[in-house]
Each structure stands twice: as structure tokens, then as C-alpha cells.
Amino acid sequence: MSAVANFLRDRSPVERLAIFIIGGVVIASLLVAFAWLPLERSRQRLQQQLPALRASVQNLERQAEEAKRLKSMPARSVTAGEPLSTAVTSRPLPGAQVAVVDARTLAVTGSDIGFAALLDWLWTMQGAQALRVDQASVQALSAPGRVRAELRLSKP
């Protein structure tokens, strides 16, 4: 027989009952401390994160719808080759400095540009000159709808 069995056999029935009750309480305490409490903490943490995750999902869904809408838009037709320098002077972008780098490239910088105006100007330049954005750095300013932007556009 094992040492534990010998130990229990040598005890009175009341002592054995007390040992089993104490053992059960210790086992239950260990289960609570190492199984249930960590699971409960994880549940509470996830419950607190759920609203932010739901908002993120809604944002991603809106962005996916916008991407679908933009993909379904017809391609703009390119007009006959007006030089970039003429296009820049005939279509100014308020609040920005537009420089012709070479015959195929424009550099746009501005510290306070209207975002809607920038998008409209880009759309116009894409249609008129077949320009594509190669590099872009756009940062929101504290004023609504205003951005700081540095862009490099080129013809394919």
C-alpha cells in the first residue's frame, strides 16, 4: 500500500472526513485561482474592447463600400497633350505650391490646403493629364477639412 493510504487508514473516521473536506476546499480554491479568475479577467477585458472592435468593423465596411464605389466609377478620358506647365497655371490649387519637376512629374506642397479642394484638383489633373500619385504624405490639421500635404504626381 502507498504511504497516503497508510496515513488515511491510521486516522479516525472524523479525521479522514476533515482531511477530505480540507482537500476539497484546497482543490476548489486552486481551480478558482488558476482557472476561473483568469478566464473571468479575459472575459471582462474582451467585453471592454468589444465597442471599439465593432466601430472598427463598421469603419472597414464603410471603407470597403467606398472602394467598391470608386472601382465602379468610369475611367476619366485624357485630353490631348497640354504641357504640364500650362495645366498647372490653368488649374491652380489654392494654398499649395505646384512645381513642374520635369515633363512627366509634378511636386505639390502645402501647409494648409482644403482636403476637398485637393481631391477635386487631383481628379481634374488625373483626367486632364493622366497623372497618378506616386508619393503622398497627407496629415490632418486641427481645423476640419484642412490638411498638410506633400505629393509627387507623374504620368505613366
N, C-alpha and C. Protein backbone atom coordinates (compact mmCIF):
# COMPACT_ATOMS: atom_id res chain seq x y z
N MET A 1 0.83 -1.19 0.00
CA MET A 1 0.00 0.00 0.00
C MET A 1 0.87 1.25 0.00
N SER A 2 0.28 2.31 -0.45
CA SER A 2 1.03 3.56 -0.53
C SER A 2 1.03 4.27 0.82
N ALA A 3 1.88 5.24 0.91
CA ALA A 3 2.02 6.00 2.16
C ALA A 3 0.76 6.77 2.47
N VAL A 4 0.10 7.30 1.42
CA VAL A 4 -1.13 8.07 1.64
C VAL A 4 -2.22 7.15 2.18
N ALA A 5 -2.35 5.95 1.60
CA ALA A 5 -3.37 5.01 2.07
C ALA A 5 -3.10 4.60 3.51
N ASN A 6 -1.84 4.35 3.85
CA ASN A 6 -1.49 4.01 5.23
C ASN A 6 -1.81 5.16 6.16
N PHE A 7 -1.50 6.37 5.72
CA PHE A 7 -1.76 7.54 6.56
C PHE A 7 -3.25 7.66 6.85
N LEU A 8 -4.11 7.51 5.79
CA LEU A 8 -5.55 7.64 5.97
C LEU A 8 -6.13 6.49 6.79
N ARG A 9 -5.59 5.29 6.64
CA ARG A 9 -6.08 4.13 7.37
C ARG A 9 -5.83 4.29 8.88
N ASP A 10 -4.73 4.98 9.21
CA ASP A 10 -4.38 5.15 10.62
C ASP A 10 -5.21 6.25 11.29
N ARG A 11 -5.99 7.02 10.54
CA ARG A 11 -6.79 8.12 11.09
C ARG A 11 -8.21 7.63 11.42
N SER A 12 -8.81 8.37 12.35
CA SER A 12 -10.19 8.04 12.72
C SER A 12 -11.12 8.54 11.63
N PRO A 13 -12.35 8.06 11.58
CA PRO A 13 -13.29 8.49 10.55
C PRO A 13 -13.51 10.01 10.55
N VAL A 14 -13.54 10.65 11.69
CA VAL A 14 -13.74 12.10 11.77
C VAL A 14 -12.54 12.82 11.16
N GLU A 15 -11.32 12.34 11.46
CA GLU A 15 -10.12 12.95 10.91
C GLU A 15 -10.07 12.76 9.39
N ARG A 16 -10.46 11.59 8.90
CA ARG A 16 -10.50 11.36 7.46
C ARG A 16 -11.49 12.30 6.78
N LEU A 17 -12.66 12.48 7.39
CA LEU A 17 -13.66 13.39 6.85
C LEU A 17 -13.11 14.82 6.79
N ALA A 18 -12.45 15.24 7.84
CA ALA A 18 -11.85 16.59 7.88
C ALA A 18 -10.78 16.74 6.80
N ILE A 19 -9.95 15.70 6.62
CA ILE A 19 -8.92 15.75 5.59
C ILE A 19 -9.54 15.85 4.21
N PHE A 20 -10.59 15.10 3.91
CA PHE A 20 -11.25 15.16 2.61
C PHE A 20 -11.92 16.51 2.38
N ILE A 21 -12.54 17.07 3.40
CA ILE A 21 -13.18 18.38 3.26
C ILE A 21 -12.13 19.45 3.00
N ILE A 22 -11.04 19.43 3.78
CA ILE A 22 -9.97 20.41 3.59
C ILE A 22 -9.35 20.23 2.20
N GLY A 23 -9.11 19.01 1.79
CA GLY A 23 -8.57 18.74 0.46
C GLY A 23 -9.49 19.26 -0.64
N GLY A 24 -10.79 19.06 -0.48
CA GLY A 24 -11.76 19.56 -1.47
C GLY A 24 -11.75 21.07 -1.55
N VAL A 25 -11.66 21.72 -0.38
CA VAL A 25 -11.62 23.18 -0.37
C VAL A 25 -10.34 23.68 -1.04
N VAL A 26 -9.21 23.02 -0.77
CA VAL A 26 -7.94 23.42 -1.39
C VAL A 26 -8.02 23.24 -2.91
N ILE A 27 -8.55 22.12 -3.37
CA ILE A 27 -8.68 21.87 -4.81
C ILE A 27 -9.61 22.88 -5.45
N ALA A 28 -10.74 23.17 -4.79
CA ALA A 28 -11.68 24.16 -5.33
C ALA A 28 -11.03 25.54 -5.38
N SER A 29 -10.27 25.91 -4.35
CA SER A 29 -9.59 27.20 -4.32
C SER A 29 -8.57 27.30 -5.46
N LEU A 30 -7.82 26.22 -5.68
CA LEU A 30 -6.84 26.22 -6.77
C LEU A 30 -7.51 26.36 -8.13
N LEU A 31 -8.63 25.67 -8.32
CA LEU A 31 -9.37 25.80 -9.58
C LEU A 31 -9.87 27.22 -9.80
N VAL A 32 -10.39 27.84 -8.73
CA VAL A 32 -10.86 29.21 -8.85
C VAL A 32 -9.69 30.14 -9.18
N ALA A 33 -8.58 29.98 -8.44
CA ALA A 33 -7.45 30.90 -8.59
C ALA A 33 -6.75 30.74 -9.94
N PHE A 34 -6.61 29.53 -10.43
CA PHE A 34 -5.81 29.31 -11.64
C PHE A 34 -6.63 29.02 -12.90
N ALA A 35 -7.91 28.82 -12.77
CA ALA A 35 -8.72 28.56 -13.96
C ALA A 35 -9.81 29.62 -14.14
N TRP A 36 -10.68 29.76 -13.14
CA TRP A 36 -11.83 30.63 -13.32
C TRP A 36 -11.46 32.11 -13.31
N LEU A 37 -10.64 32.58 -12.39
CA LEU A 37 -10.30 34.00 -12.33
C LEU A 37 -9.59 34.50 -13.60
N PRO A 38 -8.61 33.80 -14.13
CA PRO A 38 -8.02 34.28 -15.40
C PRO A 38 -9.03 34.33 -16.55
N LEU A 39 -9.91 33.35 -16.61
CA LEU A 39 -10.93 33.36 -17.65
C LEU A 39 -11.89 34.53 -17.47
N GLU A 40 -12.25 34.83 -16.24
CA GLU A 40 -13.14 35.94 -15.95
C GLU A 40 -12.49 37.28 -16.30
N ARG A 41 -11.20 37.43 -15.99
CA ARG A 41 -10.49 38.66 -16.34
C ARG A 41 -10.42 38.82 -17.86
N SER A 42 -10.19 37.75 -18.56
CA SER A 42 -10.15 37.81 -20.03
C SER A 42 -11.52 38.19 -20.59
N ARG A 43 -12.55 37.64 -20.02
CA ARG A 43 -13.91 37.96 -20.47
C ARG A 43 -14.21 39.44 -20.28
N GLN A 44 -13.85 39.98 -19.12
CA GLN A 44 -14.11 41.40 -18.86
C GLN A 44 -13.29 42.30 -19.80
N ARG A 45 -12.03 41.94 -20.04
CA ARG A 45 -11.18 42.72 -20.94
C ARG A 45 -11.78 42.71 -22.36
N LEU A 46 -12.20 41.54 -22.83
CA LEU A 46 -12.79 41.45 -24.16
C LEU A 46 -14.11 42.20 -24.25
N GLN A 47 -14.86 42.19 -23.17
CA GLN A 47 -16.13 42.90 -23.14
C GLN A 47 -15.89 44.41 -23.23
N GLN A 48 -14.81 44.90 -22.62
CA GLN A 48 -14.48 46.32 -22.71
C GLN A 48 -13.98 46.69 -24.11
N GLN A 49 -13.31 45.77 -24.80
CA GLN A 49 -12.78 46.04 -26.13
C GLN A 49 -13.84 45.92 -27.23
N LEU A 50 -14.94 45.28 -26.93
CA LEU A 50 -15.95 44.99 -27.95
C LEU A 50 -16.50 46.24 -28.65
N PRO A 51 -16.86 47.33 -27.96
CA PRO A 51 -17.36 48.50 -28.69
C PRO A 51 -16.34 49.06 -29.69
N ALA A 52 -15.08 49.13 -29.30
CA ALA A 52 -14.06 49.64 -30.22
C ALA A 52 -13.90 48.71 -31.41
N LEU A 53 -13.96 47.41 -31.19
CA LEU A 53 -13.84 46.45 -32.28
C LEU A 53 -15.03 46.55 -33.24
N ARG A 54 -16.22 46.75 -32.68
CA ARG A 54 -17.41 46.91 -33.53
C ARG A 54 -17.30 48.17 -34.37
N ALA A 55 -16.82 49.26 -33.78
CA ALA A 55 -16.64 50.51 -34.52
C ALA A 55 -15.61 50.32 -35.63
N SER A 56 -14.56 49.57 -35.34
CA SER A 56 -13.53 49.30 -36.35
C SER A 56 -14.12 48.50 -37.51
N VAL A 57 -14.94 47.52 -37.21
CA VAL A 57 -15.58 46.72 -38.27
C VAL A 57 -16.48 47.60 -39.12
N GLN A 58 -17.27 48.48 -38.48
CA GLN A 58 -18.13 49.38 -39.25
C GLN A 58 -17.31 50.30 -40.15
N ASN A 59 -16.19 50.80 -39.63
CA ASN A 59 -15.32 51.66 -40.42
C ASN A 59 -14.76 50.89 -41.62
N LEU A 60 -14.32 49.67 -41.40
CA LEU A 60 -13.80 48.85 -42.51
C LEU A 60 -14.89 48.57 -43.54
N GLU A 61 -16.10 48.34 -43.09
CA GLU A 61 -17.20 48.10 -44.03
C GLU A 61 -17.48 49.35 -44.87
N ARG A 62 -17.46 50.54 -44.21
CA ARG A 62 -17.66 51.78 -44.96
C ARG A 62 -16.55 51.98 -45.98
N GLN A 63 -15.33 51.69 -45.58
CA GLN A 63 -14.21 51.85 -46.50
C GLN A 63 -14.31 50.86 -47.67
N ALA A 64 -14.77 49.65 -47.40
CA ALA A 64 -14.95 48.67 -48.48
C ALA A 64 -16.01 49.15 -49.46
N GLU A 65 -17.10 49.71 -48.95
CA GLU A 65 -18.15 50.24 -49.83
C GLU A 65 -17.60 51.40 -50.66
N GLU A 66 -16.80 52.26 -50.05
CA GLU A 66 -16.20 53.37 -50.78
C GLU A 66 -15.26 52.86 -51.87
N ALA A 67 -14.48 51.82 -51.55
CA ALA A 67 -13.57 51.24 -52.54
C ALA A 67 -14.36 50.65 -53.70
N LYS A 68 -15.46 49.96 -53.40
CA LYS A 68 -16.31 49.41 -54.47
C LYS A 68 -16.88 50.53 -55.34
N ARG A 69 -17.32 51.60 -54.68
CA ARG A 69 -17.89 52.73 -55.43
C ARG A 69 -16.84 53.36 -56.34
N LEU A 70 -15.63 53.53 -55.81
CA LEU A 70 -14.58 54.14 -56.62
C LEU A 70 -14.15 53.23 -57.77
N LYS A 71 -14.11 51.93 -57.52
CA LYS A 71 -13.75 51.00 -58.60
C LYS A 71 -14.79 50.99 -59.71
N SER A 72 -16.05 51.21 -59.35
CA SER A 72 -17.12 51.15 -60.35
C SER A 72 -17.23 52.44 -61.16
N MET A 73 -16.52 53.50 -60.75
CA MET A 73 -16.58 54.76 -61.49
C MET A 73 -15.88 54.59 -62.83
N PRO A 74 -16.43 55.21 -63.87
CA PRO A 74 -15.79 55.10 -65.18
C PRO A 74 -14.46 55.84 -65.20
N ALA A 75 -13.55 55.36 -66.02
CA ALA A 75 -12.24 55.99 -66.15
C ALA A 75 -12.41 57.34 -66.84
N ARG A 76 -11.64 58.31 -66.38
CA ARG A 76 -11.69 59.64 -66.97
C ARG A 76 -10.90 59.62 -68.29
N SER A 77 -11.44 60.31 -69.25
CA SER A 77 -10.73 60.37 -70.53
C SER A 77 -9.64 61.44 -70.46
N VAL A 78 -8.53 61.14 -71.08
CA VAL A 78 -7.40 62.06 -71.07
C VAL A 78 -7.49 62.95 -72.29
N THR A 79 -7.35 64.27 -72.06
CA THR A 79 -7.39 65.19 -73.17
C THR A 79 -6.04 65.24 -73.86
N ALA A 80 -6.03 65.79 -75.02
CA ALA A 80 -4.79 65.85 -75.80
C ALA A 80 -3.73 66.62 -75.04
N GLY A 81 -2.49 66.26 -75.27
CA GLY A 81 -1.33 66.63 -74.50
C GLY A 81 -1.05 68.10 -74.29
N GLU A 82 -1.67 68.72 -73.35
CA GLU A 82 -1.34 70.05 -72.90
C GLU A 82 -0.11 69.92 -72.00
N PRO A 83 0.89 70.77 -72.14
CA PRO A 83 2.08 70.66 -71.30
C PRO A 83 1.72 70.82 -69.82
N LEU A 84 2.50 70.18 -68.96
CA LEU A 84 2.23 70.24 -67.52
C LEU A 84 2.28 71.68 -67.01
N SER A 85 3.20 72.47 -67.50
CA SER A 85 3.31 73.85 -67.02
C SER A 85 2.04 74.64 -67.31
N THR A 86 1.44 74.42 -68.47
CA THR A 86 0.18 75.09 -68.81
C THR A 86 -0.96 74.57 -67.94
N ALA A 87 -0.99 73.27 -67.71
CA ALA A 87 -2.04 72.68 -66.87
C ALA A 87 -1.96 73.20 -65.44
N VAL A 88 -0.74 73.40 -64.94
CA VAL A 88 -0.56 73.89 -63.57
C VAL A 88 -1.04 75.32 -63.46
N THR A 89 -0.72 76.15 -64.42
CA THR A 89 -1.14 77.56 -64.35
C THR A 89 -2.63 77.72 -64.62
N SER A 90 -3.21 76.87 -65.46
CA SER A 90 -4.65 76.99 -65.76
C SER A 90 -5.53 76.37 -64.69
N ARG A 91 -4.97 75.49 -63.87
CA ARG A 91 -5.74 74.82 -62.81
C ARG A 91 -4.99 74.96 -61.47
N PRO A 92 -5.00 76.15 -60.86
CA PRO A 92 -4.27 76.32 -59.61
C PRO A 92 -4.94 75.57 -58.45
N LEU A 93 -4.14 75.24 -57.46
CA LEU A 93 -4.64 74.60 -56.24
C LEU A 93 -4.46 75.60 -55.11
N PRO A 94 -5.54 76.18 -54.60
CA PRO A 94 -5.43 77.20 -53.56
C PRO A 94 -4.70 76.66 -52.32
N GLY A 95 -3.72 77.44 -51.86
CA GLY A 95 -2.98 77.08 -50.65
C GLY A 95 -1.81 76.15 -50.88
N ALA A 96 -1.53 75.82 -52.13
CA ALA A 96 -0.45 74.87 -52.41
C ALA A 96 0.52 75.45 -53.44
N GLN A 97 1.74 74.96 -53.37
CA GLN A 97 2.73 75.30 -54.37
C GLN A 97 2.89 74.07 -55.27
N VAL A 98 2.64 74.26 -56.54
CA VAL A 98 2.75 73.18 -57.52
C VAL A 98 3.93 73.49 -58.42
N ALA A 99 4.89 72.58 -58.45
CA ALA A 99 6.09 72.79 -59.26
C ALA A 99 6.23 71.67 -60.28
N VAL A 100 6.62 72.06 -61.50
CA VAL A 100 6.88 71.08 -62.54
C VAL A 100 8.32 70.60 -62.37
N VAL A 101 8.48 69.31 -62.05
CA VAL A 101 9.82 68.74 -61.85
C VAL A 101 10.46 68.45 -63.20
N ASP A 102 9.71 67.78 -64.05
CA ASP A 102 10.15 67.53 -65.42
C ASP A 102 8.90 67.39 -66.28
N ALA A 103 9.05 66.99 -67.51
CA ALA A 103 7.91 66.93 -68.43
C ALA A 103 6.84 65.93 -68.01
N ARG A 104 7.16 65.04 -67.09
CA ARG A 104 6.21 64.00 -66.69
C ARG A 104 5.89 64.01 -65.21
N THR A 105 6.46 64.95 -64.43
CA THR A 105 6.33 64.89 -62.97
C THR A 105 5.99 66.26 -62.38
N LEU A 106 5.08 66.24 -61.39
CA LEU A 106 4.72 67.42 -60.61
C LEU A 106 5.01 67.17 -59.14
N ALA A 107 5.39 68.23 -58.43
CA ALA A 107 5.55 68.18 -56.97
C ALA A 107 4.57 69.18 -56.37
N VAL A 108 3.79 68.73 -55.40
CA VAL A 108 2.78 69.58 -54.77
C VAL A 108 3.09 69.63 -53.28
N THR A 109 3.18 70.84 -52.73
CA THR A 109 3.38 71.01 -51.28
C THR A 109 2.45 72.10 -50.80
N GLY A 110 1.94 71.88 -49.61
CA GLY A 110 1.08 72.89 -48.99
C GLY A 110 0.94 72.62 -47.52
N SER A 111 0.99 73.70 -46.73
CA SER A 111 0.89 73.52 -45.28
C SER A 111 -0.54 73.68 -44.78
N ASP A 112 -1.44 74.23 -45.61
CA ASP A 112 -2.83 74.38 -45.20
C ASP A 112 -3.71 74.38 -46.46
N ILE A 113 -4.15 73.18 -46.84
CA ILE A 113 -4.93 73.00 -48.06
C ILE A 113 -6.28 72.41 -47.68
N GLY A 114 -7.32 72.82 -48.36
CA GLY A 114 -8.63 72.20 -48.19
C GLY A 114 -8.59 70.79 -48.76
N PHE A 115 -8.99 69.81 -47.97
CA PHE A 115 -8.91 68.42 -48.42
C PHE A 115 -9.81 68.17 -49.62
N ALA A 116 -11.03 68.72 -49.59
CA ALA A 116 -11.95 68.53 -50.73
C ALA A 116 -11.37 69.18 -51.98
N ALA A 117 -10.76 70.37 -51.83
CA ALA A 117 -10.15 71.04 -52.99
C ALA A 117 -8.99 70.21 -53.54
N LEU A 118 -8.20 69.62 -52.66
CA LEU A 118 -7.08 68.78 -53.10
C LEU A 118 -7.59 67.57 -53.89
N LEU A 119 -8.63 66.91 -53.37
CA LEU A 119 -9.19 65.76 -54.08
C LEU A 119 -9.76 66.16 -55.44
N ASP A 120 -10.48 67.29 -55.48
CA ASP A 120 -11.03 67.76 -56.77
C ASP A 120 -9.91 68.07 -57.75
N TRP A 121 -8.85 68.74 -57.28
CA TRP A 121 -7.72 69.08 -58.14
C TRP A 121 -7.04 67.81 -58.66
N LEU A 122 -6.85 66.83 -57.77
CA LEU A 122 -6.24 65.56 -58.21
C LEU A 122 -7.11 64.88 -59.26
N TRP A 123 -8.41 64.88 -59.05
CA TRP A 123 -9.34 64.27 -60.01
C TRP A 123 -9.25 64.97 -61.36
N THR A 124 -9.20 66.29 -61.32
CA THR A 124 -9.09 67.08 -62.56
C THR A 124 -7.77 66.79 -63.27
N MET A 125 -6.68 66.78 -62.52
CA MET A 125 -5.36 66.54 -63.12
C MET A 125 -5.25 65.11 -63.65
N GLN A 126 -5.89 64.19 -62.98
CA GLN A 126 -5.87 62.80 -63.48
C GLN A 126 -6.60 62.74 -64.82
N GLY A 127 -7.71 63.44 -64.93
CA GLY A 127 -8.45 63.42 -66.18
C GLY A 127 -7.78 64.21 -67.29
N ALA A 128 -7.21 65.35 -66.94
CA ALA A 128 -6.63 66.22 -67.95
C ALA A 128 -5.24 65.77 -68.39
N GLN A 129 -4.47 65.24 -67.46
CA GLN A 129 -3.07 64.93 -67.76
C GLN A 129 -2.70 63.46 -67.54
N ALA A 130 -3.63 62.65 -67.13
CA ALA A 130 -3.37 61.23 -66.82
C ALA A 130 -2.31 61.09 -65.74
N LEU A 131 -2.32 62.03 -64.80
CA LEU A 131 -1.34 61.99 -63.69
C LEU A 131 -1.81 61.01 -62.63
N ARG A 132 -0.86 60.33 -62.06
CA ARG A 132 -1.11 59.39 -60.95
C ARG A 132 -0.25 59.82 -59.77
N VAL A 133 -0.73 59.58 -58.58
CA VAL A 133 0.03 59.91 -57.37
C VAL A 133 1.07 58.82 -57.14
N ASP A 134 2.34 59.21 -57.15
CA ASP A 134 3.44 58.28 -56.88
C ASP A 134 3.76 58.24 -55.39
N GLN A 135 3.83 59.41 -54.78
CA GLN A 135 4.14 59.51 -53.36
C GLN A 135 3.18 60.52 -52.75
N ALA A 136 2.76 60.25 -51.52
CA ALA A 136 1.86 61.18 -50.85
C ALA A 136 2.08 61.14 -49.35
N SER A 137 2.05 62.31 -48.78
CA SER A 137 2.07 62.46 -47.33
C SER A 137 1.00 63.50 -47.01
N VAL A 138 -0.09 63.06 -46.41
CA VAL A 138 -1.20 63.95 -46.09
C VAL A 138 -1.49 63.82 -44.61
N GLN A 139 -1.46 64.95 -43.92
CA GLN A 139 -1.70 64.96 -42.47
C GLN A 139 -2.84 65.92 -42.17
N ALA A 140 -3.77 65.48 -41.34
CA ALA A 140 -4.90 66.32 -40.96
C ALA A 140 -4.43 67.43 -40.04
N LEU A 141 -4.99 68.62 -40.22
CA LEU A 141 -4.72 69.75 -39.34
C LEU A 141 -5.84 69.84 -38.31
N SER A 142 -5.68 70.73 -37.36
CA SER A 142 -6.70 70.84 -36.30
C SER A 142 -8.02 71.39 -36.84
N ALA A 143 -7.95 72.21 -37.88
CA ALA A 143 -9.17 72.73 -38.49
C ALA A 143 -9.83 71.63 -39.33
N PRO A 144 -11.13 71.49 -39.23
CA PRO A 144 -11.81 70.44 -40.01
C PRO A 144 -11.66 70.67 -41.51
N GLY A 145 -11.35 69.60 -42.23
CA GLY A 145 -11.25 69.64 -43.68
C GLY A 145 -9.97 70.26 -44.21
N ARG A 146 -9.02 70.54 -43.34
CA ARG A 146 -7.75 71.15 -43.75
C ARG A 146 -6.63 70.15 -43.55
N VAL A 147 -5.66 70.12 -44.48
CA VAL A 147 -4.56 69.16 -44.42
C VAL A 147 -3.24 69.82 -44.79
N ARG A 148 -2.17 69.17 -44.37
CA ARG A 148 -0.81 69.48 -44.81
C ARG A 148 -0.46 68.35 -45.78
N ALA A 149 0.02 68.70 -46.96
CA ALA A 149 0.24 67.66 -47.97
C ALA A 149 1.53 67.88 -48.74
N GLU A 150 2.16 66.76 -49.04
CA GLU A 150 3.29 66.72 -49.96
C GLU A 150 3.04 65.56 -50.91
N LEU A 151 2.92 65.87 -52.20
CA LEU A 151 2.59 64.86 -53.18
C LEU A 151 3.57 64.93 -54.35
N ARG A 152 3.73 63.79 -54.98
CA ARG A 152 4.51 63.70 -56.22
C ARG A 152 3.63 62.94 -57.21
N LEU A 153 3.32 63.61 -58.33
CA LEU A 153 2.47 63.03 -59.35
C LEU A 153 3.28 62.87 -60.63
N SER A 154 2.97 61.82 -61.37
CA SER A 154 3.67 61.61 -62.63
C SER A 154 2.76 60.95 -63.65
N LYS A 155 3.16 61.11 -64.89
CA LYS A 155 2.43 60.44 -65.97
C LYS A 155 2.99 59.03 -66.10
N PRO A 156 2.12 58.08 -66.43
CA PRO A 156 2.61 56.69 -66.59
C PRO A 156 3.54 56.52 -67.77
